[in-house]
C-alpha atoms as a PDB file:
ATOM      1  CA  UNK A   1     -62.782   1.810  54.818  1.00  0.00           C
ATOM      2  CA  UNK A   2     -61.077   1.156  51.491  1.00  0.00           C
ATOM      3  CA  UNK A   3     -57.343   1.355  51.084  1.00  0.00           C
ATOM      4  CA  UNK A   4     -57.519   4.266  48.555  1.00  0.00           C
ATOM      5  CA  UNK A   5     -59.768   6.335  50.815  1.00  0.00           C
ATOM      6  CA  UNK A   6     -57.380   5.752  53.735  1.00  0.00           C
ATOM      7  CA  UNK A   7     -54.379   6.821  51.637  1.00  0.00           C
ATOM      8  CA  UNK A   8     -56.230   9.961  50.503  1.00  0.00           C
ATOM      9  CA  UNK A   9     -57.121  10.891  54.073  1.00  0.00           C
ATOM     10  CA  UNK A  10     -53.526  10.308  55.298  1.00  0.00           C
ATOM     11  CA  UNK A  11     -52.198  12.498  52.492  1.00  0.00           C
ATOM     12  CA  UNK A  12     -54.502  15.333  53.541  1.00  0.00           C
ATOM     13  CA  UNK A  13     -53.252  15.478  57.111  1.00  0.00           C
ATOM     14  CA  UNK A  14     -50.170  17.681  56.541  1.00  0.00           C
ATOM     15  CA  UNK A  15     -51.966  20.243  54.272  1.00  0.00           C
ATOM     16  CA  UNK A  16     -54.744  20.594  56.866  1.00  0.00           C
ATOM     17  CA  UNK A  17     -52.180  21.115  59.673  1.00  0.00           C
ATOM     18  CA  UNK A  18     -50.349  23.687  57.561  1.00  0.00           C
ATOM     19  CA  UNK A  19     -53.654  25.537  56.879  1.00  0.00           C
ATOM     20  CA  UNK A  20     -54.427  25.513  60.598  1.00  0.00           C
ATOM     21  CA  UNK A  21     -51.004  26.918  61.444  1.00  0.00           C
ATOM     22  CA  UNK A  22     -51.408  29.531  58.738  1.00  0.00           C
ATOM     23  CA  UNK A  23     -54.749  30.624  60.122  1.00  0.00           C
ATOM     24  CA  UNK A  24     -53.476  30.836  63.680  1.00  0.00           C
ATOM     25  CA  UNK A  25     -50.458  32.903  62.772  1.00  0.00           C
ATOM     26  CA  UNK A  26     -52.345  35.109  60.316  1.00  0.00           C
ATOM     27  CA  UNK A  27     -54.893  35.997  63.103  1.00  0.00           C
ATOM     28  CA  UNK A  28     -52.023  36.531  65.627  1.00  0.00           C
ATOM     29  CA  UNK A  29     -49.885  38.702  63.329  1.00  0.00           C
ATOM     30  CA  UNK A  30     -52.920  40.578  61.929  1.00  0.00           C
ATOM     31  CA  UNK A  31     -50.948  42.100  59.063  1.00  0.00           C
ATOM     32  CA  UNK A  32     -52.099  41.162  55.539  1.00  0.00           C
ATOM     33  CA  UNK A  33     -48.854  42.330  53.995  1.00  0.00           C
ATOM     34  CA  UNK A  34     -46.700  39.878  56.037  1.00  0.00           C
ATOM     35  CA  UNK A  35     -49.202  36.958  56.294  1.00  0.00           C
ATOM     36  CA  UNK A  36     -52.665  37.400  54.705  1.00  0.00           C
ATOM     37  CA  UNK A  37     -55.614  35.500  56.079  1.00  0.00           C
ATOM     38  CA  UNK A  38     -56.743  32.391  54.177  1.00  0.00           C
ATOM     39  CA  UNK A  39     -60.055  34.085  53.263  1.00  0.00           C
ATOM     40  CA  UNK A  40     -58.189  36.943  51.619  1.00  0.00           C
ATOM     41  CA  UNK A  41     -56.012  34.558  49.567  1.00  0.00           C
ATOM     42  CA  UNK A  42     -59.048  32.515  48.505  1.00  0.00           C
ATOM     43  CA  UNK A  43     -60.847  35.773  47.544  1.00  0.00           C
ATOM     44  CA  UNK A  44     -57.883  36.748  45.386  1.00  0.00           C
ATOM     45  CA  UNK A  45     -58.029  33.378  43.609  1.00  0.00           C
ATOM     46  CA  UNK A  46     -61.801  33.715  43.084  1.00  0.00           C
ATOM     47  CA  UNK A  47     -61.253  37.206  41.622  1.00  0.00           C
ATOM     48  CA  UNK A  48     -58.039  36.272  39.760  1.00  0.00           C
ATOM     49  CA  UNK A  49     -58.889  38.436  36.763  1.00  0.00           C
ATOM     50  CA  UNK A  50     -58.872  41.565  38.863  1.00  0.00           C
ATOM     51  CA  UNK A  51     -55.904  43.974  38.793  1.00  0.00           C
ATOM     52  CA  UNK A  52     -54.768  43.755  42.480  1.00  0.00           C
ATOM     53  CA  UNK A  53     -51.791  46.104  42.763  1.00  0.00           C
ATOM     54  CA  UNK A  54     -51.480  47.582  39.339  1.00  0.00           C
ATOM     55  CA  UNK A  55     -49.434  44.664  37.911  1.00  0.00           C
ATOM     56  CA  UNK A  56     -52.184  43.059  35.936  1.00  0.00           C
ATOM     57  CA  UNK A  57     -54.372  39.997  36.520  1.00  0.00           C
ATOM     58  CA  UNK A  58     -53.108  36.640  37.730  1.00  0.00           C
ATOM     59  CA  UNK A  59     -53.947  34.759  34.475  1.00  0.00           C
ATOM     60  CA  UNK A  60     -52.267  37.451  32.365  1.00  0.00           C
ATOM     61  CA  UNK A  61     -49.106  37.355  34.514  1.00  0.00           C
ATOM     62  CA  UNK A  62     -49.070  33.531  34.382  1.00  0.00           C
ATOM     63  CA  UNK A  63     -49.391  33.532  30.626  1.00  0.00           C
ATOM     64  CA  UNK A  64     -46.594  36.086  30.229  1.00  0.00           C
ATOM     65  CA  UNK A  65     -44.360  34.000  32.507  1.00  0.00           C
ATOM     66  CA  UNK A  66     -45.096  30.856  30.555  1.00  0.00           C
ATOM     67  CA  UNK A  67     -44.325  32.628  27.263  1.00  0.00           C
ATOM     68  CA  UNK A  68     -41.021  33.894  28.743  1.00  0.00           C
ATOM     69  CA  UNK A  69     -40.003  30.399  29.875  1.00  0.00           C
ATOM     70  CA  UNK A  70     -40.905  28.865  26.508  1.00  0.00           C
ATOM     71  CA  UNK A  71     -38.983  31.597  24.609  1.00  0.00           C
ATOM     72  CA  UNK A  72     -35.988  31.178  26.942  1.00  0.00           C
ATOM     73  CA  UNK A  73     -36.011  27.442  26.416  1.00  0.00           C
ATOM     74  CA  UNK A  74     -36.317  27.935  22.665  1.00  0.00           C
ATOM     75  CA  UNK A  75     -33.418  30.386  22.512  1.00  0.00           C
ATOM     76  CA  UNK A  76     -31.302  28.198  24.742  1.00  0.00           C
ATOM     77  CA  UNK A  77     -31.986  25.154  22.590  1.00  0.00           C
ATOM     78  CA  UNK A  78     -31.258  27.087  19.369  1.00  0.00           C
ATOM     79  CA  UNK A  79     -27.861  28.159  20.765  1.00  0.00           C
ATOM     80  CA  UNK A  80     -26.869  25.109  22.799  1.00  0.00           C
ATOM     81  CA  UNK A  81     -27.813  22.274  20.415  1.00  0.00           C
ATOM     82  CA  UNK A  82     -25.608  23.347  17.494  1.00  0.00           C
ATOM     83  CA  UNK A  83     -22.880  24.457  19.891  1.00  0.00           C
ATOM     84  CA  UNK A  84     -22.879  20.998  21.533  1.00  0.00           C
ATOM     85  CA  UNK A  85     -22.813  19.215  18.216  1.00  0.00           C
ATOM     86  CA  UNK A  86     -19.869  21.383  17.007  1.00  0.00           C
ATOM     87  CA  UNK A  87     -18.029  20.843  20.288  1.00  0.00           C
ATOM     88  CA  UNK A  88     -18.439  17.096  19.915  1.00  0.00           C
ATOM     89  CA  UNK A  89     -17.182  17.056  16.395  1.00  0.00           C
ATOM     90  CA  UNK A  90     -14.414  19.700  16.409  1.00  0.00           C
ATOM     91  CA  UNK A  91     -11.736  19.695  19.084  1.00  0.00           C
ATOM     92  CA  UNK A  92     -10.794  23.349  18.515  1.00  0.00           C
ATOM     93  CA  UNK A  93     -14.374  24.490  19.151  1.00  0.00           C
ATOM     94  CA  UNK A  94     -14.473  22.300  22.269  1.00  0.00           C
ATOM     95  CA  UNK A  95     -11.287  23.863  23.542  1.00  0.00           C
ATOM     96  CA  UNK A  96     -12.651  27.359  22.742  1.00  0.00           C
ATOM     97  CA  UNK A  97     -15.921  26.974  24.690  1.00  0.00           C
ATOM     98  CA  UNK A  98     -15.387  24.226  27.305  1.00  0.00           C
ATOM     99  CA  UNK A  99     -13.777  26.386  30.031  1.00  0.00           C
ATOM    100  CA  UNK A 100     -16.545  28.957  29.823  1.00  0.00           C
ATOM    101  CA  UNK A 101     -19.254  26.338  29.886  1.00  0.00           C
ATOM    102  CA  UNK A 102     -17.594  24.505  32.815  1.00  0.00           C
ATOM    103  CA  UNK A 103     -17.481  27.747  34.792  1.00  0.00           C
ATOM    104  CA  UNK A 104     -21.195  28.441  34.241  1.00  0.00           C
ATOM    105  CA  UNK A 105     -22.401  24.832  34.620  1.00  0.00           C
ATOM    106  CA  UNK A 106     -22.371  24.611  38.474  1.00  0.00           C
ATOM    107  CA  UNK A 107     -24.516  27.719  38.904  1.00  0.00           C
ATOM    108  CA  UNK A 108     -28.133  26.705  39.508  1.00  0.00           C
ATOM    109  CA  UNK A 109     -30.609  27.978  36.967  1.00  0.00           C
ATOM    110  CA  UNK A 110     -32.522  29.857  39.644  1.00  0.00           C
ATOM    111  CA  UNK A 111     -29.453  32.030  40.198  1.00  0.00           C
ATOM    112  CA  UNK A 112     -29.102  32.658  36.499  1.00  0.00           C
ATOM    113  CA  UNK A 113     -32.654  33.924  36.362  1.00  0.00           C
ATOM    114  CA  UNK A 114     -32.148  36.452  39.174  1.00  0.00           C
ATOM    115  CA  UNK A 115     -29.009  37.746  37.512  1.00  0.00           C
ATOM    116  CA  UNK A 116     -30.660  38.073  34.125  1.00  0.00           C
ATOM    117  CA  UNK A 117     -33.743  39.627  35.649  1.00  0.00           C
ATOM    118  CA  UNK A 118     -31.652  42.164  37.450  1.00  0.00           C
ATOM    119  CA  UNK A 119     -30.345  43.555  34.112  1.00  0.00           C
ATOM    120  CA  UNK A 120     -33.271  43.134  31.764  1.00  0.00           C
ATOM    121  CA  UNK A 121     -36.833  43.583  32.905  1.00  0.00           C
ATOM    122  CA  UNK A 122     -39.752  43.096  30.698  1.00  0.00           C
ATOM    123  CA  UNK A 123     -42.703  45.547  31.006  1.00  0.00           C
ATOM    124  CA  UNK A 124     -44.817  43.857  28.399  1.00  0.00           C
ATOM    125  CA  UNK A 125     -44.101  40.995  26.074  1.00  0.00           C
ATOM    126  CA  UNK A 126     -42.801  43.269  23.295  1.00  0.00           C
ATOM    127  CA  UNK A 127     -41.037  46.031  25.280  1.00  0.00           C
ATOM    128  CA  UNK A 128     -37.956  45.687  27.293  1.00  0.00           C
ATOM    129  CA  UNK A 129     -36.016  48.143  29.462  1.00  0.00           C
ATOM    130  CA  UNK A 130     -32.355  47.680  30.215  1.00  0.00           C
ATOM    131  CA  UNK A 131     -31.488  48.472  33.822  1.00  0.00           C
ATOM    132  CA  UNK A 132     -28.096  48.673  35.421  1.00  0.00           C
ATOM    133  CA  UNK A 133     -28.325  47.317  38.900  1.00  0.00           C
END
């Protein structure tokens, strides 16, 4: 057996074990809301363009998410890049913004997203509703 085939087979051991555990627990729990069966998940991926629960198809939701991430990155870059340059050149601007930035910096970005998502939810790409949580 070649070395690359052996490495491939070894790397497949953990995913196969996890799929077996998933199948056993899905059959034991027998509740598709908590833990769906593997066949149901595969069926959903095969029919990814279907509207499952009234929230649109999987490819549409993925494309909307990608656009949101790209727009967020673009807006962040447009704001942060000039601000960083000005903070580097002007001591007064650095003093003005550094405390606020240092307070926000340790917060992981995943937490930022949940806070932002709690206040502004997007229905479609063009429409937004403001919610007070």
